[in-house]
């Protein structure tokens, strides 16, 4: 359950980024995503 929460959290972050790119009219290019900053990445604060 703990592992599923972690993976679902980040899957939702990916989906939010994809939706935001579509709303901004950007091309679907996941390689251009802003890299994560591990020092500011808190798994407790997310969309899930």
ModelCIF file with pLDDT and N, C-alpha, C, O atoms, coordinates in Angstrom:
data_MODEL
#
_entry.id   MODEL 
#
_entity.id                         1 
_entity.type                       polymer 
_entity.pdbx_number_of_molecules   1 
#
_entity_poly.entity_id                      1 
_entity_poly.type                           'polypeptide(L)' 
_entity_poly.nstd_linkage                   no 
_entity_poly.nstd_monomer                   no 
_entity_poly.pdbx_seq_one_letter_code       
;(UNK)(UNK)(UNK)(UNK)(UNK)(UNK)(UNK)(UNK)(UNK)(UNK)(UNK)(UNK)(UNK)(UNK)(UNK)(UNK)
(UNK)(UNK)(UNK)(UNK)(UNK)(UNK)(UNK)(UNK)(UNK)(UNK)(UNK)(UNK)(UNK)(UNK)(UNK)(UNK)
(UNK)(UNK)(UNK)(UNK)(UNK)(UNK)(UNK)(UNK)(UNK)(UNK)(UNK)(UNK)(UNK)(UNK)(UNK)(UNK)
;
_entity_poly.pdbx_seq_one_letter_code_can   XXXXXXXXXXXXXXXXXXXXXXXXXXXXXXXXXXXXXXXXXXXXXXXX 
_entity_poly.pdbx_strand_id                 A 
#
loop_
_entity_poly_seq.entity_id 
_entity_poly_seq.num 
_entity_poly_seq.mon_id 
_entity_poly_seq.hetero 
1 1  UNK n 
1 2  UNK n 
1 3  UNK n 
1 4  UNK n 
1 5  UNK n 
1 6  UNK n 
1 7  UNK n 
1 8  UNK n 
1 9  UNK n 
1 10 UNK n 
1 11 UNK n 
1 12 UNK n 
1 13 UNK n 
1 14 UNK n 
1 15 UNK n 
1 16 UNK n 
1 17 UNK n 
1 18 UNK n 
1 19 UNK n 
1 20 UNK n 
1 21 UNK n 
1 22 UNK n 
1 23 UNK n 
1 24 UNK n 
1 25 UNK n 
1 26 UNK n 
1 27 UNK n 
1 28 UNK n 
1 29 UNK n 
1 30 UNK n 
1 31 UNK n 
1 32 UNK n 
1 33 UNK n 
1 34 UNK n 
1 35 UNK n 
1 36 UNK n 
1 37 UNK n 
1 38 UNK n 
1 39 UNK n 
1 40 UNK n 
1 41 UNK n 
1 42 UNK n 
1 43 UNK n 
1 44 UNK n 
1 45 UNK n 
1 46 UNK n 
1 47 UNK n 
1 48 UNK n 
#
_struct_asym.id          A 
_struct_asym.entity_id   1 
#
loop_
_ma_qa_metric.id 
_ma_qa_metric.mode 
_ma_qa_metric.name 
_ma_qa_metric.software_group_id 
_ma_qa_metric.type 
1 global pLDDT . pLDDT 
2 local  pLDDT . pLDDT 
#
_ma_qa_metric_global.metric_id      1 
_ma_qa_metric_global.metric_value   64.06 
_ma_qa_metric_global.model_id       1 
_ma_qa_metric_global.ordinal_id     1 
#
loop_
_ma_qa_metric_local.label_asym_id 
_ma_qa_metric_local.label_comp_id 
_ma_qa_metric_local.label_seq_id 
_ma_qa_metric_local.metric_id 
_ma_qa_metric_local.metric_value 
_ma_qa_metric_local.model_id 
_ma_qa_metric_local.ordinal_id 
A UNK 1  2 84.00 1 1  
A UNK 2  2 84.00 1 2  
A UNK 3  2 89.00 1 3  
A UNK 4  2 85.00 1 4  
A UNK 5  2 84.00 1 5  
A UNK 6  2 87.00 1 6  
A UNK 7  2 88.00 1 7  
A UNK 8  2 83.00 1 8  
A UNK 9  2 81.00 1 9  
A UNK 10 2 82.00 1 10 
A UNK 11 2 80.00 1 11 
A UNK 12 2 79.00 1 12 
A UNK 13 2 78.00 1 13 
A UNK 14 2 76.00 1 14 
A UNK 15 2 74.00 1 15 
A UNK 16 2 74.00 1 16 
A UNK 17 2 76.00 1 17 
A UNK 18 2 74.00 1 18 
A UNK 19 2 77.00 1 19 
A UNK 20 2 78.00 1 20 
A UNK 21 2 74.00 1 21 
A UNK 22 2 74.00 1 22 
A UNK 23 2 71.00 1 23 
A UNK 24 2 74.00 1 24 
A UNK 25 2 72.00 1 25 
A UNK 26 2 65.00 1 26 
A UNK 27 2 60.00 1 27 
A UNK 28 2 54.00 1 28 
A UNK 29 2 52.00 1 29 
A UNK 30 2 45.00 1 30 
A UNK 31 2 46.00 1 31 
A UNK 32 2 39.00 1 32 
A UNK 33 2 44.00 1 33 
A UNK 34 2 43.00 1 34 
A UNK 35 2 46.00 1 35 
A UNK 36 2 48.00 1 36 
A UNK 37 2 47.00 1 37 
A UNK 38 2 46.00 1 38 
A UNK 39 2 45.00 1 39 
A UNK 40 2 46.00 1 40 
A UNK 41 2 46.00 1 41 
A UNK 42 2 48.00 1 42 
A UNK 43 2 48.00 1 43 
A UNK 44 2 47.00 1 44 
A UNK 45 2 45.00 1 45 
A UNK 46 2 46.00 1 46 
A UNK 47 2 44.00 1 47 
A UNK 48 2 47.00 1 48 
#
loop_
_atom_site.group_PDB 
_atom_site.id 
_atom_site.type_symbol 
_atom_site.label_atom_id 
_atom_site.label_alt_id 
_atom_site.label_comp_id 
_atom_site.label_asym_id 
_atom_site.label_entity_id 
_atom_site.label_seq_id 
_atom_site.pdbx_PDB_ins_code 
_atom_site.Cartn_x 
_atom_site.Cartn_y 
_atom_site.Cartn_z 
_atom_site.occupancy 
_atom_site.B_iso_or_equiv 
_atom_site.pdbx_formal_charge 
_atom_site.auth_seq_id 
_atom_site.auth_comp_id 
_atom_site.auth_asym_id 
_atom_site.auth_atom_id 
_atom_site.pdbx_PDB_model_num 
ATOM 1   N N  . UNK A 1 1  ? 0.837  -1.201 0.000   1.00 84.00 ? 1  UNK A N  1 
ATOM 2   C CA . UNK A 1 1  ? 0.000  0.000  0.000   1.00 84.00 ? 1  UNK A CA 1 
ATOM 3   C C  . UNK A 1 1  ? 0.872  1.251  0.000   1.00 84.00 ? 1  UNK A C  1 
ATOM 4   O O  . UNK A 1 1  ? 0.585  2.211  -0.716  1.00 84.00 ? 1  UNK A O  1 
ATOM 5   N N  . UNK A 1 2  ? 1.935  1.241  0.801   1.00 84.00 ? 2  UNK A N  1 
ATOM 6   C CA . UNK A 1 2  ? 2.856  2.378  0.839   1.00 84.00 ? 2  UNK A CA 1 
ATOM 7   C C  . UNK A 1 2  ? 3.503  2.608  -0.523  1.00 84.00 ? 2  UNK A C  1 
ATOM 8   O O  . UNK A 1 2  ? 3.623  3.743  -0.984  1.00 84.00 ? 2  UNK A O  1 
ATOM 9   N N  . UNK A 1 3  ? 3.920  1.510  -1.162  1.00 89.00 ? 3  UNK A N  1 
ATOM 10  C CA . UNK A 1 3  ? 4.562  1.625  -2.471  1.00 89.00 ? 3  UNK A CA 1 
ATOM 11  C C  . UNK A 1 3  ? 3.581  2.119  -3.526  1.00 89.00 ? 3  UNK A C  1 
ATOM 12  O O  . UNK A 1 3  ? 3.936  2.935  -4.377  1.00 89.00 ? 3  UNK A O  1 
ATOM 13  N N  . UNK A 1 4  ? 2.345  1.622  -3.469  1.00 85.00 ? 4  UNK A N  1 
ATOM 14  C CA . UNK A 1 4  ? 1.334  2.055  -4.427  1.00 85.00 ? 4  UNK A CA 1 
ATOM 15  C C  . UNK A 1 4  ? 1.022  3.538  -4.270  1.00 85.00 ? 4  UNK A C  1 
ATOM 16  O O  . UNK A 1 4  ? 0.803  4.236  -5.260  1.00 85.00 ? 4  UNK A O  1 
ATOM 17  N N  . UNK A 1 5  ? 1.000  4.019  -3.033  1.00 84.00 ? 5  UNK A N  1 
ATOM 18  C CA . UNK A 1 5  ? 0.757  5.436  -2.816  1.00 84.00 ? 5  UNK A CA 1 
ATOM 19  C C  . UNK A 1 5  ? 1.856  6.273  -3.464  1.00 84.00 ? 5  UNK A C  1 
ATOM 20  O O  . UNK A 1 5  ? 1.576  7.257  -4.148  1.00 84.00 ? 5  UNK A O  1 
ATOM 21  N N  . UNK A 1 6  ? 3.102  5.879  -3.244  1.00 87.00 ? 6  UNK A N  1 
ATOM 22  C CA . UNK A 1 6  ? 4.238  6.623  -3.803  1.00 87.00 ? 6  UNK A CA 1 
ATOM 23  C C  . UNK A 1 6  ? 4.167  6.655  -5.327  1.00 87.00 ? 6  UNK A C  1 
ATOM 24  O O  . UNK A 1 6  ? 4.344  7.706  -5.942  1.00 87.00 ? 6  UNK A O  1 
ATOM 25  N N  . UNK A 1 7  ? 3.905  5.490  -5.934  1.00 88.00 ? 7  UNK A N  1 
ATOM 26  C CA . UNK A 1 7  ? 3.886  5.441  -7.394  1.00 88.00 ? 7  UNK A CA 1 
ATOM 27  C C  . UNK A 1 7  ? 2.672  6.171  -7.966  1.00 88.00 ? 7  UNK A C  1 
ATOM 28  O O  . UNK A 1 7  ? 2.782  6.842  -8.992  1.00 88.00 ? 7  UNK A O  1 
ATOM 29  N N  . UNK A 1 8  ? 1.513  6.045  -7.312  1.00 83.00 ? 8  UNK A N  1 
ATOM 30  C CA . UNK A 1 8  ? 0.319  6.736  -7.793  1.00 83.00 ? 8  UNK A CA 1 
ATOM 31  C C  . UNK A 1 8  ? 0.478  8.242  -7.682  1.00 83.00 ? 8  UNK A C  1 
ATOM 32  O O  . UNK A 1 8  ? 0.014  8.985  -8.547  1.00 83.00 ? 8  UNK A O  1 
ATOM 33  N N  . UNK A 1 9  ? 1.128  8.691  -6.627  1.00 81.00 ? 9  UNK A N  1 
ATOM 34  C CA . UNK A 1 9  ? 1.388  10.120 -6.432  1.00 81.00 ? 9  UNK A CA 1 
ATOM 35  C C  . UNK A 1 9  ? 2.170  10.681 -7.612  1.00 81.00 ? 9  UNK A C  1 
ATOM 36  O O  . UNK A 1 9  ? 1.799  11.717 -8.163  1.00 81.00 ? 9  UNK A O  1 
ATOM 37  N N  . UNK A 1 10 ? 3.230  10.017 -7.998  1.00 82.00 ? 10 UNK A N  1 
ATOM 38  C CA . UNK A 1 10 ? 4.073  10.526 -9.081  1.00 82.00 ? 10 UNK A CA 1 
ATOM 39  C C  . UNK A 1 10 ? 3.438  10.317 -10.446 1.00 82.00 ? 10 UNK A C  1 
ATOM 40  O O  . UNK A 1 10 ? 3.703  11.081 -11.374 1.00 82.00 ? 10 UNK A O  1 
ATOM 41  N N  . UNK A 1 11 ? 2.605  9.295  -10.581 1.00 80.00 ? 11 UNK A N  1 
ATOM 42  C CA . UNK A 1 11 ? 1.862  9.128  -11.829 1.00 80.00 ? 11 UNK A CA 1 
ATOM 43  C C  . UNK A 1 11 ? 0.901  10.289 -12.031 1.00 80.00 ? 11 UNK A C  1 
ATOM 44  O O  . UNK A 1 11 ? 0.713  10.763 -13.151 1.00 80.00 ? 11 UNK A O  1 
ATOM 45  N N  . UNK A 1 12 ? 0.292  10.746 -10.934 1.00 79.00 ? 12 UNK A N  1 
ATOM 46  C CA . UNK A 1 12 ? -0.603 11.891 -11.016 1.00 79.00 ? 12 UNK A CA 1 
ATOM 47  C C  . UNK A 1 12 ? 0.158  13.176 -11.325 1.00 79.00 ? 12 UNK A C  1 
ATOM 48  O O  . UNK A 1 12 ? -0.352 14.040 -12.040 1.00 79.00 ? 12 UNK A O  1 
ATOM 49  N N  . UNK A 1 13 ? 1.367  13.309 -10.798 1.00 78.00 ? 13 UNK A N  1 
ATOM 50  C CA . UNK A 1 13 ? 2.185  14.478 -11.125 1.00 78.00 ? 13 UNK A CA 1 
ATOM 51  C C  . UNK A 1 13 ? 2.495  14.510 -12.621 1.00 78.00 ? 13 UNK A C  1 
ATOM 52  O O  . UNK A 1 13 ? 2.451  15.567 -13.250 1.00 78.00 ? 13 UNK A O  1 
ATOM 53  N N  . UNK A 1 14 ? 2.809  13.342 -13.181 1.00 76.00 ? 14 UNK A N  1 
ATOM 54  C CA . UNK A 1 14 ? 3.057  13.266 -14.623 1.00 76.00 ? 14 UNK A CA 1 
ATOM 55  C C  . UNK A 1 14 ? 1.818  13.653 -15.417 1.00 76.00 ? 14 UNK A C  1 
ATOM 56  O O  . UNK A 1 14 ? 1.902  14.362 -16.420 1.00 76.00 ? 14 UNK A O  1 
ATOM 57  N N  . UNK A 1 15 ? 0.660  13.174 -14.952 1.00 74.00 ? 15 UNK A N  1 
ATOM 58  C CA . UNK A 1 15 ? -0.577 13.478 -15.651 1.00 74.00 ? 15 UNK A CA 1 
ATOM 59  C C  . UNK A 1 15 ? -0.904 14.962 -15.557 1.00 74.00 ? 15 UNK A C  1 
ATOM 60  O O  . UNK A 1 15 ? -1.386 15.553 -16.524 1.00 74.00 ? 15 UNK A O  1 
ATOM 61  N N  . UNK A 1 16 ? -0.646 15.572 -14.397 1.00 74.00 ? 16 UNK A N  1 
ATOM 62  C CA . UNK A 1 16 ? -0.880 17.008 -14.251 1.00 74.00 ? 16 UNK A CA 1 
ATOM 63  C C  . UNK A 1 16 ? 0.020  17.809 -15.179 1.00 74.00 ? 16 UNK A C  1 
ATOM 64  O O  . UNK A 1 16 ? -0.416 18.799 -15.768 1.00 74.00 ? 16 UNK A O  1 
ATOM 65  N N  . UNK A 1 17 ? 1.284  17.385 -15.315 1.00 76.00 ? 17 UNK A N  1 
ATOM 66  C CA . UNK A 1 17 ? 2.198  18.064 -16.223 1.00 76.00 ? 17 UNK A CA 1 
ATOM 67  C C  . UNK A 1 17 ? 1.716  17.951 -17.669 1.00 76.00 ? 17 UNK A C  1 
ATOM 68  O O  . UNK A 1 17 ? 1.792  18.914 -18.432 1.00 76.00 ? 17 UNK A O  1 
ATOM 69  N N  . UNK A 1 18 ? 1.217  16.765 -18.040 1.00 74.00 ? 18 UNK A N  1 
ATOM 70  C CA . UNK A 1 18 ? 0.730  16.562 -19.399 1.00 74.00 ? 18 UNK A CA 1 
ATOM 71  C C  . UNK A 1 18 ? -0.469 17.460 -19.689 1.00 74.00 ? 18 UNK A C  1 
ATOM 72  O O  . UNK A 1 18 ? -0.545 18.079 -20.750 1.00 74.00 ? 18 UNK A O  1 
ATOM 73  N N  . UNK A 1 19 ? -1.408 17.528 -18.739 1.00 77.00 ? 19 UNK A N  1 
ATOM 74  C CA . UNK A 1 19 ? -2.593 18.370 -18.920 1.00 77.00 ? 19 UNK A CA 1 
ATOM 75  C C  . UNK A 1 19 ? -2.195 19.839 -19.011 1.00 77.00 ? 19 UNK A C  1 
ATOM 76  O O  . UNK A 1 19 ? -2.749 20.585 -19.818 1.00 77.00 ? 19 UNK A O  1 
ATOM 77  N N  . UNK A 1 20 ? -1.237 20.254 -18.186 1.00 78.00 ? 20 UNK A N  1 
ATOM 78  C CA . UNK A 1 20 ? -0.788 21.645 -18.206 1.00 78.00 ? 20 UNK A CA 1 
ATOM 79  C C  . UNK A 1 20 ? -0.141 22.000 -19.545 1.00 78.00 ? 20 UNK A C  1 
ATOM 80  O O  . UNK A 1 20 ? -0.331 23.102 -20.059 1.00 78.00 ? 20 UNK A O  1 
ATOM 81  N N  . UNK A 1 21 ? 0.627  21.059 -20.107 1.00 74.00 ? 21 UNK A N  1 
ATOM 82  C CA . UNK A 1 21 ? 1.244  21.314 -21.404 1.00 74.00 ? 21 UNK A CA 1 
ATOM 83  C C  . UNK A 1 21 ? 0.185  21.463 -22.490 1.00 74.00 ? 21 UNK A C  1 
ATOM 84  O O  . UNK A 1 21 ? 0.299  22.310 -23.376 1.00 74.00 ? 21 UNK A O  1 
ATOM 85  N N  . UNK A 1 22 ? -0.857 20.618 -22.405 1.00 74.00 ? 22 UNK A N  1 
ATOM 86  C CA . UNK A 1 22 ? -1.926 20.701 -23.401 1.00 74.00 ? 22 UNK A CA 1 
ATOM 87  C C  . UNK A 1 22 ? -2.659 22.025 -23.289 1.00 74.00 ? 22 UNK A C  1 
ATOM 88  O O  . UNK A 1 22 ? -2.990 22.640 -24.302 1.00 74.00 ? 22 UNK A O  1 
ATOM 89  N N  . UNK A 1 23 ? -2.918 22.475 -22.052 1.00 71.00 ? 23 UNK A N  1 
ATOM 90  C CA . UNK A 1 23 ? -3.614 23.747 -21.855 1.00 71.00 ? 23 UNK A CA 1 
ATOM 91  C C  . UNK A 1 23 ? -2.782 24.924 -22.340 1.00 71.00 ? 23 UNK A C  1 
ATOM 92  O O  . UNK A 1 23 ? -3.324 25.929 -22.799 1.00 71.00 ? 23 UNK A O  1 
ATOM 93  N N  . UNK A 1 24 ? -1.466 24.796 -22.238 1.00 74.00 ? 24 UNK A N  1 
ATOM 94  C CA . UNK A 1 24 ? -0.572 25.875 -22.690 1.00 74.00 ? 24 UNK A CA 1 
ATOM 95  C C  . UNK A 1 24 ? -0.250 25.779 -24.172 1.00 74.00 ? 24 UNK A C  1 
ATOM 96  O O  . UNK A 1 24 ? 0.475  26.609 -24.720 1.00 74.00 ? 24 UNK A O  1 
ATOM 97  N N  . UNK A 1 25 ? -0.808 24.737 -24.821 1.00 72.00 ? 25 UNK A N  1 
ATOM 98  C CA . UNK A 1 25 ? -0.570 24.577 -26.244 1.00 72.00 ? 25 UNK A CA 1 
ATOM 99  C C  . UNK A 1 25 ? 0.821  24.085 -26.580 1.00 72.00 ? 25 UNK A C  1 
ATOM 100 O O  . UNK A 1 25 ? 1.285  24.254 -27.708 1.00 72.00 ? 25 UNK A O  1 
ATOM 101 N N  . UNK A 1 26 ? 1.504  23.469 -25.602 1.00 65.00 ? 26 UNK A N  1 
ATOM 102 C CA . UNK A 1 26 ? 2.847  22.968 -25.851 1.00 65.00 ? 26 UNK A CA 1 
ATOM 103 C C  . UNK A 1 26 ? 2.781  21.593 -26.496 1.00 65.00 ? 26 UNK A C  1 
ATOM 104 O O  . UNK A 1 26 ? 1.802  20.867 -26.321 1.00 65.00 ? 26 UNK A O  1 
ATOM 105 N N  . UNK A 1 27 ? 3.818  21.232 -27.239 1.00 60.00 ? 27 UNK A N  1 
ATOM 106 C CA . UNK A 1 27 ? 3.885  19.917 -27.858 1.00 60.00 ? 27 UNK A CA 1 
ATOM 107 C C  . UNK A 1 27 ? 4.147  18.859 -26.798 1.00 60.00 ? 27 UNK A C  1 
ATOM 108 O O  . UNK A 1 27 ? 4.737  19.134 -25.752 1.00 60.00 ? 27 UNK A O  1 
ATOM 109 N N  . UNK A 1 28 ? 3.700  17.652 -27.087 1.00 54.00 ? 28 UNK A N  1 
ATOM 110 C CA . UNK A 1 28 ? 3.903  16.529 -26.166 1.00 54.00 ? 28 UNK A CA 1 
ATOM 111 C C  . UNK A 1 28 ? 5.354  16.093 -26.249 1.00 54.00 ? 28 UNK A C  1 
ATOM 112 O O  . UNK A 1 28 ? 5.734  15.308 -27.117 1.00 54.00 ? 28 UNK A O  1 
ATOM 113 N N  . UNK A 1 29 ? 6.162  16.617 -25.329 1.00 52.00 ? 29 UNK A N  1 
ATOM 114 C CA . UNK A 1 29 ? 7.590  16.301 -25.321 1.00 52.00 ? 29 UNK A CA 1 
ATOM 115 C C  . UNK A 1 29 ? 8.032  16.129 -23.879 1.00 52.00 ? 29 UNK A C  1 
ATOM 116 O O  . UNK A 1 29 ? 8.458  17.082 -23.226 1.00 52.00 ? 29 UNK A O  1 
ATOM 117 N N  . UNK A 1 30 ? 7.927  14.913 -23.398 1.00 45.00 ? 30 UNK A N  1 
ATOM 118 C CA . UNK A 1 30 ? 8.226  14.668 -21.988 1.00 45.00 ? 30 UNK A CA 1 
ATOM 119 C C  . UNK A 1 30 ? 9.687  14.904 -21.673 1.00 45.00 ? 30 UNK A C  1 
ATOM 120 O O  . UNK A 1 30 ? 10.032 15.175 -20.523 1.00 45.00 ? 30 UNK A O  1 
ATOM 121 N N  . UNK A 1 31 ? 10.571 14.805 -22.690 1.00 46.00 ? 31 UNK A N  1 
ATOM 122 C CA . UNK A 1 31 ? 11.987 15.029 -22.438 1.00 46.00 ? 31 UNK A CA 1 
ATOM 123 C C  . UNK A 1 31 ? 12.258 16.471 -22.049 1.00 46.00 ? 31 UNK A C  1 
ATOM 124 O O  . UNK A 1 31 ? 13.279 16.782 -21.435 1.00 46.00 ? 31 UNK A O  1 
ATOM 125 N N  . UNK A 1 32 ? 11.307 17.368 -22.423 1.00 39.00 ? 32 UNK A N  1 
ATOM 126 C CA . UNK A 1 32 ? 11.505 18.781 -22.114 1.00 39.00 ? 32 UNK A CA 1 
ATOM 127 C C  . UNK A 1 32 ? 10.957 19.162 -20.757 1.00 39.00 ? 32 UNK A C  1 
ATOM 128 O O  . UNK A 1 32 ? 10.989 20.335 -20.383 1.00 39.00 ? 32 UNK A O  1 
ATOM 129 N N  . UNK A 1 33 ? 10.452 18.186 -20.008 1.00 44.00 ? 33 UNK A N  1 
ATOM 130 C CA . UNK A 1 33 ? 9.911  18.467 -18.680 1.00 44.00 ? 33 UNK A CA 1 
ATOM 131 C C  . UNK A 1 33 ? 11.004 19.028 -17.776 1.00 44.00 ? 33 UNK A C  1 
ATOM 132 O O  . UNK A 1 33 ? 12.178 18.681 -17.907 1.00 44.00 ? 33 UNK A O  1 
ATOM 133 N N  . UNK A 1 34 ? 10.596 19.901 -16.858 1.00 43.00 ? 34 UNK A N  1 
ATOM 134 C CA . UNK A 1 34 ? 11.550 20.459 -15.909 1.00 43.00 ? 34 UNK A CA 1 
ATOM 135 C C  . UNK A 1 34 ? 12.010 19.363 -14.965 1.00 43.00 ? 34 UNK A C  1 
ATOM 136 O O  . UNK A 1 34 ? 11.167 18.696 -14.366 1.00 43.00 ? 34 UNK A O  1 
ATOM 137 N N  . UNK A 1 35 ? 13.315 19.145 -14.804 1.00 46.00 ? 35 UNK A N  1 
ATOM 138 C CA . UNK A 1 35 ? 13.806 18.081 -13.923 1.00 46.00 ? 35 UNK A CA 1 
ATOM 139 C C  . UNK A 1 35 ? 13.349 18.305 -12.486 1.00 46.00 ? 35 UNK A C  1 
ATOM 140 O O  . UNK A 1 35 ? 13.171 19.441 -12.046 1.00 46.00 ? 35 UNK A O  1 
ATOM 141 N N  . UNK A 1 36 ? 13.166 17.225 -11.777 1.00 48.00 ? 36 UNK A N  1 
ATOM 142 C CA . UNK A 1 36 ? 12.767 17.317 -10.383 1.00 48.00 ? 36 UNK A CA 1 
ATOM 143 C C  . UNK A 1 36 ? 13.918 17.782 -9.521  1.00 48.00 ? 36 UNK A C  1 
ATOM 144 O O  . UNK A 1 36 ? 15.071 17.432 -9.773  1.00 48.00 ? 36 UNK A O  1 
ATOM 145 N N  . UNK A 1 37 ? 13.612 18.567 -8.508  1.00 47.00 ? 37 UNK A N  1 
ATOM 146 C CA . UNK A 1 37 ? 14.607 18.983 -7.525  1.00 47.00 ? 37 UNK A CA 1 
ATOM 147 C C  . UNK A 1 37 ? 14.381 18.158 -6.269  1.00 47.00 ? 37 UNK A C  1 
ATOM 148 O O  . UNK A 1 37 ? 13.411 18.402 -5.551  1.00 47.00 ? 37 UNK A O  1 
ATOM 149 N N  . UNK A 1 38 ? 15.245 17.189 -5.980  1.00 46.00 ? 38 UNK A N  1 
ATOM 150 C CA . UNK A 1 38 ? 15.003 16.308 -4.832  1.00 46.00 ? 38 UNK A CA 1 
ATOM 151 C C  . UNK A 1 38 ? 14.987 17.039 -3.505  1.00 46.00 ? 38 UNK A C  1 
ATOM 152 O O  . UNK A 1 38 ? 14.371 16.556 -2.555  1.00 46.00 ? 38 UNK A O  1 
ATOM 153 N N  . UNK A 1 39 ? 15.646 18.195 -3.401  1.00 45.00 ? 39 UNK A N  1 
ATOM 154 C CA . UNK A 1 39 ? 15.665 18.939 -2.148  1.00 45.00 ? 39 UNK A CA 1 
ATOM 155 C C  . UNK A 1 39 ? 14.324 19.609 -1.866  1.00 45.00 ? 39 UNK A C  1 
ATOM 156 O O  . UNK A 1 39 ? 14.029 19.968 -0.726  1.00 45.00 ? 39 UNK A O  1 
ATOM 157 N N  . UNK A 1 40 ? 13.510 19.776 -2.917  1.00 46.00 ? 40 UNK A N  1 
ATOM 158 C CA . UNK A 1 40 ? 12.217 20.423 -2.734  1.00 46.00 ? 40 UNK A CA 1 
ATOM 159 C C  . UNK A 1 40 ? 11.052 19.498 -3.068  1.00 46.00 ? 40 UNK A C  1 
ATOM 160 O O  . UNK A 1 40 ? 9.921  19.945 -3.255  1.00 46.00 ? 40 UNK A O  1 
ATOM 161 N N  . UNK A 1 41 ? 11.343 18.226 -3.140  1.00 46.00 ? 41 UNK A N  1 
ATOM 162 C CA . UNK A 1 41 ? 10.322 17.258 -3.511  1.00 46.00 ? 41 UNK A CA 1 
ATOM 163 C C  . UNK A 1 41 ? 9.791  16.587 -2.266  1.00 46.00 ? 41 UNK A C  1 
ATOM 164 O O  . UNK A 1 41 ? 10.510 15.836 -1.607  1.00 46.00 ? 41 UNK A O  1 
ATOM 165 N N  . UNK A 1 42 ? 8.550  16.848 -1.940  1.00 48.00 ? 42 UNK A N  1 
ATOM 166 C CA . UNK A 1 42 ? 7.925  16.271 -0.752  1.00 48.00 ? 42 UNK A CA 1 
ATOM 167 C C  . UNK A 1 42 ? 6.793  15.358 -1.182  1.00 48.00 ? 42 UNK A C  1 
ATOM 168 O O  . UNK A 1 42 ? 5.799  15.810 -1.750  1.00 48.00 ? 42 UNK A O  1 
ATOM 169 N N  . UNK A 1 43 ? 6.946  14.094 -0.912  1.00 48.00 ? 43 UNK A N  1 
ATOM 170 C CA . UNK A 1 43 ? 5.956  13.117 -1.337  1.00 48.00 ? 43 UNK A CA 1 
ATOM 171 C C  . UNK A 1 43 ? 4.621  13.293 -0.616  1.00 48.00 ? 43 UNK A C  1 
ATOM 172 O O  . UNK A 1 43 ? 3.608  12.751 -1.057  1.00 48.00 ? 43 UNK A O  1 
ATOM 173 N N  . UNK A 1 44 ? 4.607  14.049 0.493   1.00 47.00 ? 44 UNK A N  1 
ATOM 174 C CA . UNK A 1 44 ? 3.365  14.207 1.245   1.00 47.00 ? 44 UNK A CA 1 
ATOM 175 C C  . UNK A 1 44 ? 2.458  15.262 0.620   1.00 47.00 ? 44 UNK A C  1 
ATOM 176 O O  . UNK A 1 44 ? 1.261  15.298 0.905   1.00 47.00 ? 44 UNK A O  1 
ATOM 177 N N  . UNK A 1 45 ? 3.017  16.119 -0.226  1.00 45.00 ? 45 UNK A N  1 
ATOM 178 C CA . UNK A 1 45 ? 2.244  17.188 -0.832  1.00 45.00 ? 45 UNK A CA 1 
ATOM 179 C C  . UNK A 1 45 ? 2.056  16.880 -2.308  1.00 45.00 ? 45 UNK A C  1 
ATOM 180 O O  . UNK A 1 45 ? 2.949  17.158 -3.108  1.00 45.00 ? 45 UNK A O  1 
ATOM 181 N N  . UNK A 1 46 ? 0.940  16.325 -2.683  1.00 46.00 ? 46 UNK A N  1 
ATOM 182 C CA . UNK A 1 46 ? 0.726  15.946 -4.072  1.00 46.00 ? 46 UNK A CA 1 
ATOM 183 C C  . UNK A 1 46 ? -0.742 15.895 -4.390  1.00 46.00 ? 46 UNK A C  1 
ATOM 184 O O  . UNK A 1 46 ? -1.596 16.222 -3.566  1.00 46.00 ? 46 UNK A O  1 
ATOM 185 N N  . UNK A 1 47 ? -1.018 15.472 -5.617  1.00 44.00 ? 47 UNK A N  1 
ATOM 186 C CA . UNK A 1 47 ? -2.383 15.472 -6.112  1.00 44.00 ? 47 UNK A CA 1 
ATOM 187 C C  . UNK A 1 47 ? -3.183 14.286 -5.590  1.00 44.00 ? 47 UNK A C  1 
ATOM 188 O O  . UNK A 1 47 ? -4.413 14.301 -5.635  1.00 44.00 ? 47 UNK A O  1 
ATOM 189 N N  . UNK A 1 48 ? -2.506 13.272 -5.103  1.00 47.00 ? 48 UNK A N  1 
ATOM 190 C CA . UNK A 1 48 ? -3.215 12.075 -4.651  1.00 47.00 ? 48 UNK A CA 1 
ATOM 191 C C  . UNK A 1 48 ? -3.473 12.149 -3.153  1.00 47.00 ? 48 UNK A C  1 
ATOM 192 O O  . UNK A 1 48 ? -4.062 11.231 -2.582  1.00 47.00 ? 48 UNK A O  1 
#
